[in-house]
Amino acid sequence: MTDVSPGNETWFETGVRKTSNGFNFIAAIALVAMMLHVNIDVLGRYLFNAPLPMTTEVVSAYYMVAVVFLPLAAIEWSDGHISVEIISQFIGETPQRFLMLATGLVAAAYFAGITWRTWLVAIRKFEVGEFITGVAVLSIWPTRFLVPLGCGLIVLVLLIKAYRRLFPKS
């Protein structure tokens, strides 16, 4: 994040950054596990005519959710999301700062809404013990909590960045 260097972070910012990096690490592990799982399934299917059971279900319900939602905050923290500078390249520094602040706050509100709604869904799915069936029964309610966790953390990062844009010297 360009507005916060590790030397002038508050304890809260340090905690959010470290949590973001931890979530990013978990997502990286999920990505490697997904790659291994799918490759073993393909090898088993074509070499031994014995695919791993429920590969599609595990990949879609566990790995993909972690890979998509857990690294959101770490990517935002490092300004790694895609940005299009069609308008901002033609305006001065103060309007750019205001534009970045406004878009950050709109994004924070958007992700806060997603966090709230998906948290309510995760609680409902936990209460009913959501699962899918194939050759076995697979509980999928735990991964429902990854979406609000990832989205909630990006809300914190966006709010920190907005605060730093409003008060750059603090």
C-alpha atoms as a PDB file:
ATOM      1  CA  MET A   1       0.000   0.000   0.000  1.00  0.00           C
ATOM      2  CA  THR A   2       1.554   3.261  -1.041  1.00  0.00           C
ATOM      3  CA  ASP A   3       0.125   5.324   1.841  1.00  0.00           C
ATOM      4  CA  VAL A   4       1.358   3.131   4.696  1.00  0.00           C
ATOM      5  CA  SER A   5       4.902   1.942   5.124  1.00  0.00           C
ATOM      6  CA  PRO A   6       5.679  -0.675   7.787  1.00  0.00           C
ATOM      7  CA  GLY A   7       7.613   1.933   9.802  1.00  0.00           C
ATOM      8  CA  ASN A   8       4.620   4.191  10.423  1.00  0.00           C
ATOM      9  CA  GLU A   9       1.811   1.653  10.807  1.00  0.00           C
ATOM     10  CA  THR A  10      -0.411   1.604  13.840  1.00  0.00           C
ATOM     11  CA  TRP A  11      -0.839  -1.650  15.753  1.00  0.00           C
ATOM     12  CA  PHE A  12      -4.235  -2.054  14.053  1.00  0.00           C
ATOM     13  CA  GLU A  13      -2.777  -1.594  10.570  1.00  0.00           C
ATOM     14  CA  THR A  14      -0.004  -4.057  11.373  1.00  0.00           C
ATOM     15  CA  GLY A  15      -2.578  -6.597  12.537  1.00  0.00           C
ATOM     16  CA  VAL A  16      -4.696  -6.160   9.402  1.00  0.00           C
ATOM     17  CA  ARG A  17      -1.615  -6.427   7.164  1.00  0.00           C
ATOM     18  CA  LYS A  18      -0.382  -9.576   8.907  1.00  0.00           C
ATOM     19  CA  THR A  19      -3.870 -11.135   8.804  1.00  0.00           C
ATOM     20  CA  SER A  20      -4.108 -10.282   5.095  1.00  0.00           C
ATOM     21  CA  ASN A  21      -0.756 -11.907   4.451  1.00  0.00           C
ATOM     22  CA  GLY A  22      -1.829 -14.965   6.462  1.00  0.00           C
ATOM     23  CA  PHE A  23      -5.028 -15.309   4.438  1.00  0.00           C
ATOM     24  CA  ASN A  24      -2.970 -14.914   1.266  1.00  0.00           C
ATOM     25  CA  PHE A  25      -0.666 -17.728   2.416  1.00  0.00           C
ATOM     26  CA  ILE A  26      -3.652 -20.001   3.113  1.00  0.00           C
ATOM     27  CA  ALA A  27      -4.969 -19.218  -0.379  1.00  0.00           C
ATOM     28  CA  ALA A  28      -1.581 -20.132  -1.865  1.00  0.00           C
ATOM     29  CA  ILE A  29      -1.669 -23.465  -0.031  1.00  0.00           C
ATOM     30  CA  ALA A  30      -5.203 -24.056  -1.335  1.00  0.00           C
ATOM     31  CA  LEU A  31      -4.037 -23.278  -4.870  1.00  0.00           C
ATOM     32  CA  VAL A  32      -1.178 -25.790  -4.663  1.00  0.00           C
ATOM     33  CA  ALA A  33      -3.482 -28.383  -3.068  1.00  0.00           C
ATOM     34  CA  MET A  34      -6.037 -27.841  -5.832  1.00  0.00           C
ATOM     35  CA  MET A  35      -3.373 -28.265  -8.488  1.00  0.00           C
ATOM     36  CA  LEU A  36      -2.116 -31.481  -6.920  1.00  0.00           C
ATOM     37  CA  HIS A  37      -5.634 -32.816  -6.359  1.00  0.00           C
ATOM     38  CA  VAL A  38      -6.708 -32.190  -9.959  1.00  0.00           C
ATOM     39  CA  ASN A  39      -3.476 -33.604 -11.389  1.00  0.00           C
ATOM     40  CA  ILE A  40      -3.719 -36.764  -9.287  1.00  0.00           C
ATOM     41  CA  ASP A  41      -7.350 -37.114 -10.378  1.00  0.00           C
ATOM     42  CA  VAL A  42      -6.409 -36.777 -14.064  1.00  0.00           C
ATOM     43  CA  LEU A  43      -3.515 -39.230 -13.755  1.00  0.00           C
ATOM     44  CA  GLY A  44      -5.708 -41.690 -11.890  1.00  0.00           C
ATOM     45  CA  ARG A  45      -8.480 -41.350 -14.445  1.00  0.00           C
ATOM     46  CA  TYR A  46      -6.358 -41.815 -17.564  1.00  0.00           C
ATOM     47  CA  LEU A  47      -3.564 -44.091 -16.353  1.00  0.00           C
ATOM     48  CA  PHE A  48      -5.411 -46.384 -13.948  1.00  0.00           C
ATOM     49  CA  ASN A  49      -9.077 -45.774 -14.800  1.00  0.00           C
ATOM     50  CA  ALA A  50      -9.530 -44.825 -11.131  1.00  0.00           C
ATOM     51  CA  PRO A  51     -10.218 -41.096 -10.632  1.00  0.00           C
ATOM     52  CA  LEU A  52     -10.267 -39.573  -7.178  1.00  0.00           C
ATOM     53  CA  PRO A  53     -13.855 -39.495  -5.958  1.00  0.00           C
ATOM     54  CA  MET A  54     -15.557 -36.110  -5.518  1.00  0.00           C
ATOM     55  CA  THR A  55     -12.716 -34.072  -7.014  1.00  0.00           C
ATOM     56  CA  THR A  56     -15.088 -31.612  -8.657  1.00  0.00           C
ATOM     57  CA  GLU A  57     -17.015 -31.114  -5.433  1.00  0.00           C
ATOM     58  CA  VAL A  58     -13.901 -30.555  -3.299  1.00  0.00           C
ATOM     59  CA  VAL A  59     -12.337 -28.211  -5.849  1.00  0.00           C
ATOM     60  CA  SER A  60     -15.457 -26.092  -6.272  1.00  0.00           C
ATOM     61  CA  ALA A  61     -16.616 -26.051  -2.649  1.00  0.00           C
ATOM     62  CA  TYR A  62     -13.265 -25.757  -0.860  1.00  0.00           C
ATOM     63  CA  TYR A  63     -10.252 -24.795  -2.962  1.00  0.00           C
ATOM     64  CA  MET A  64     -11.878 -22.294  -5.302  1.00  0.00           C
ATOM     65  CA  VAL A  65     -13.592 -20.393  -2.508  1.00  0.00           C
ATOM     66  CA  ALA A  66     -10.322 -20.039  -0.604  1.00  0.00           C
ATOM     67  CA  VAL A  67      -8.331 -19.082  -3.698  1.00  0.00           C
ATOM     68  CA  VAL A  68     -10.805 -16.365  -4.721  1.00  0.00           C
ATOM     69  CA  PHE A  69     -11.807 -14.724  -1.431  1.00  0.00           C
ATOM     70  CA  LEU A  70      -8.911 -15.095   1.003  1.00  0.00           C
ATOM     71  CA  PRO A  71      -6.282 -13.075  -0.919  1.00  0.00           C
ATOM     72  CA  LEU A  72      -8.558 -10.083  -1.661  1.00  0.00           C
ATOM     73  CA  ALA A  73      -7.230  -7.951   1.214  1.00  0.00           C
ATOM     74  CA  ALA A  74      -3.546  -8.714   0.568  1.00  0.00           C
ATOM     75  CA  ILE A  75      -3.968  -7.789  -3.076  1.00  0.00           C
ATOM     76  CA  GLU A  76      -5.691  -4.524  -2.142  1.00  0.00           C
ATOM     77  CA  TRP A  77      -3.042  -3.785   0.487  1.00  0.00           C
ATOM     78  CA  SER A  78      -0.324  -3.955  -2.173  1.00  0.00           C
ATOM     79  CA  ASP A  79      -2.425  -2.065  -4.783  1.00  0.00           C
ATOM     80  CA  GLY A  80      -2.479  -5.200  -6.920  1.00  0.00           C
ATOM     81  CA  HIS A  81      -6.034  -4.996  -8.219  1.00  0.00           C
ATOM     82  CA  ILE A  82      -6.599  -3.964 -11.809  1.00  0.00           C
ATOM     83  CA  SER A  83      -7.157  -0.244 -12.221  1.00  0.00           C
ATOM     84  CA  VAL A  84      -8.088   1.729 -15.295  1.00  0.00           C
ATOM     85  CA  GLU A  85      -6.823   5.300 -15.389  1.00  0.00           C
ATOM     86  CA  ILE A  86      -8.926   6.721 -18.203  1.00  0.00           C
ATOM     87  CA  ILE A  87      -9.992   9.816 -16.264  1.00  0.00           C
ATOM     88  CA  SER A  88      -7.408  10.086 -13.499  1.00  0.00           C
ATOM     89  CA  GLN A  89      -4.465  10.448 -15.876  1.00  0.00           C
ATOM     90  CA  PHE A  90      -5.849  13.812 -17.027  1.00  0.00           C
ATOM     91  CA  ILE A  91      -6.565  15.381 -13.627  1.00  0.00           C
ATOM     92  CA  GLY A  92      -4.346  16.869 -10.942  1.00  0.00           C
ATOM     93  CA  GLU A  93      -3.085  15.281  -7.736  1.00  0.00           C
ATOM     94  CA  THR A  94      -5.829  16.627  -5.441  1.00  0.00           C
ATOM     95  CA  PRO A  95      -8.720  15.431  -7.635  1.00  0.00           C
ATOM     96  CA  GLN A  96      -6.943  12.075  -8.038  1.00  0.00           C
ATOM     97  CA  ARG A  97      -6.679  11.762  -4.256  1.00  0.00           C
ATOM     98  CA  PHE A  98     -10.400  12.572  -3.911  1.00  0.00           C
ATOM     99  CA  LEU A  99     -11.290  10.092  -6.677  1.00  0.00           C
ATOM    100  CA  MET A 100      -9.241   7.345  -4.991  1.00  0.00           C
ATOM    101  CA  LEU A 101     -10.889   8.151  -1.659  1.00  0.00           C
ATOM    102  CA  ALA A 102     -14.385   8.056  -3.159  1.00  0.00           C
ATOM    103  CA  THR A 103     -13.841   4.804  -5.044  1.00  0.00           C
ATOM    104  CA  GLY A 104     -12.271   3.242  -1.958  1.00  0.00           C
ATOM    105  CA  LEU A 105     -15.248   4.179   0.192  1.00  0.00           C
ATOM    106  CA  VAL A 106     -17.728   2.917  -2.410  1.00  0.00           C
ATOM    107  CA  ALA A 107     -15.785  -0.356  -2.645  1.00  0.00           C
ATOM    108  CA  ALA A 108     -15.737  -0.617   1.173  1.00  0.00           C
ATOM    109  CA  ALA A 109     -19.508  -0.153   1.299  1.00  0.00           C
ATOM    110  CA  TYR A 110     -19.971  -2.740  -1.450  1.00  0.00           C
ATOM    111  CA  PHE A 111     -17.770  -5.320   0.279  1.00  0.00           C
ATOM    112  CA  ALA A 112     -19.397  -4.549   3.631  1.00  0.00           C
ATOM    113  CA  GLY A 113     -22.762  -5.442   2.091  1.00  0.00           C
ATOM    114  CA  ILE A 114     -21.339  -8.675   0.709  1.00  0.00           C
ATOM    115  CA  THR A 115     -19.776  -9.429   4.097  1.00  0.00           C
ATOM    116  CA  TRP A 116     -23.050  -8.931   5.943  1.00  0.00           C
ATOM    117  CA  ARG A 117     -25.206 -10.981   3.557  1.00  0.00           C
ATOM    118  CA  THR A 118     -22.734 -13.853   3.209  1.00  0.00           C
ATOM    119  CA  TRP A 119     -22.249 -13.961   6.989  1.00  0.00           C
ATOM    120  CA  LEU A 120     -26.011 -14.446   7.419  1.00  0.00           C
ATOM    121  CA  VAL A 121     -25.968 -17.197   4.774  1.00  0.00           C
ATOM    122  CA  ALA A 122     -22.953 -18.870   6.428  1.00  0.00           C
ATOM    123  CA  ILE A 123     -24.741 -18.911   9.796  1.00  0.00           C
ATOM    124  CA  ARG A 124     -27.855 -20.468   8.212  1.00  0.00           C
ATOM    125  CA  LYS A 125     -25.787 -23.101   6.393  1.00  0.00           C
ATOM    126  CA  PHE A 126     -23.913 -23.889   9.620  1.00  0.00           C
ATOM    127  CA  GLU A 127     -27.200 -24.327  11.486  1.00  0.00           C
ATOM    128  CA  VAL A 128     -28.552 -26.784   8.920  1.00  0.00           C
ATOM    129  CA  GLY A 129     -25.191 -28.527   8.409  1.00  0.00           C
ATOM    130  CA  GLU A 130     -25.029 -27.974   4.637  1.00  0.00           C
ATOM    131  CA  PHE A 131     -23.467 -30.822   2.686  1.00  0.00           C
ATOM    132  CA  ILE A 132     -23.294 -32.241  -0.815  1.00  0.00           C
ATOM    133  CA  THR A 133     -23.446 -35.866  -1.771  1.00  0.00           C
ATOM    134  CA  GLY A 134     -21.627 -37.821  -4.415  1.00  0.00           C
ATOM    135  CA  VAL A 135     -19.970 -41.108  -3.688  1.00  0.00           C
ATOM    136  CA  ALA A 136     -19.638 -39.726  -0.156  1.00  0.00           C
ATOM    137  CA  VAL A 137     -21.149 -36.964   1.958  1.00  0.00           C
ATOM    138  CA  LEU A 138     -19.080 -33.776   2.063  1.00  0.00           C
ATOM    139  CA  SER A 139     -19.847 -31.007   4.563  1.00  0.00           C
ATOM    140  CA  ILE A 140     -19.505 -27.682   2.799  1.00  0.00           C
ATOM    141  CA  TRP A 141     -20.846 -25.272   5.406  1.00  0.00           C
ATOM    142  CA  PRO A 142     -17.335 -24.434   6.724  1.00  0.00           C
ATOM    143  CA  THR A 143     -16.290 -22.793   3.467  1.00  0.00           C
ATOM    144  CA  ARG A 144     -19.321 -20.519   3.593  1.00  0.00           C
ATOM    145  CA  PHE A 145     -17.417 -18.550   6.248  1.00  0.00           C
ATOM    146  CA  LEU A 146     -14.442 -17.877   3.951  1.00  0.00           C
ATOM    147  CA  VAL A 147     -16.437 -15.414   1.837  1.00  0.00           C
ATOM    148  CA  PRO A 148     -17.407 -13.028   4.677  1.00  0.00           C
ATOM    149  CA  LEU A 149     -13.945 -13.378   6.240  1.00  0.00           C
ATOM    150  CA  GLY A 150     -12.185 -12.418   3.004  1.00  0.00           C
ATOM    151  CA  CYS A 151     -14.642  -9.649   2.182  1.00  0.00           C
ATOM    152  CA  GLY A 152     -14.635  -8.307   5.744  1.00  0.00           C
ATOM    153  CA  LEU A 153     -10.859  -8.071   5.728  1.00  0.00           C
ATOM    154  CA  ILE A 154     -10.803  -6.136   2.466  1.00  0.00           C
ATOM    155  CA  VAL A 155     -13.297  -3.693   4.028  1.00  0.00           C
ATOM    156  CA  LEU A 156     -10.772  -3.019   6.794  1.00  0.00           C
ATOM    157  CA  VAL A 157      -7.961  -2.500   4.270  1.00  0.00           C
ATOM    158  CA  LEU A 158     -10.092  -0.119   2.199  1.00  0.00           C
ATOM    159  CA  LEU A 159     -11.045   1.881   5.304  1.00  0.00           C
ATOM    160  CA  ILE A 160      -7.399   2.093   6.415  1.00  0.00           C
ATOM    161  CA  LYS A 161      -6.431   3.346   2.968  1.00  0.00           C
ATOM    162  CA  ALA A 162      -9.286   5.890   3.017  1.00  0.00           C
ATOM    163  CA  TYR A 163      -8.182   7.147   6.439  1.00  0.00           C
ATOM    164  CA  ARG A 164      -4.602   7.464   5.203  1.00  0.00           C
ATOM    165  CA  ARG A 165      -5.779   9.451   2.190  1.00  0.00           C
ATOM    166  CA  LEU A 166      -7.793  11.793   4.408  1.00  0.00           C
ATOM    167  CA  PHE A 167      -5.023  12.179   6.994  1.00  0.00           C
ATOM    168  CA  PRO A 168      -1.741  11.500   5.166  1.00  0.00           C
ATOM    169  CA  LYS A 169       0.547  12.794   7.960  1.00  0.00           C
ATOM    170  CA  SER A 170      -0.882  10.718  10.835  1.00  0.00           C
END
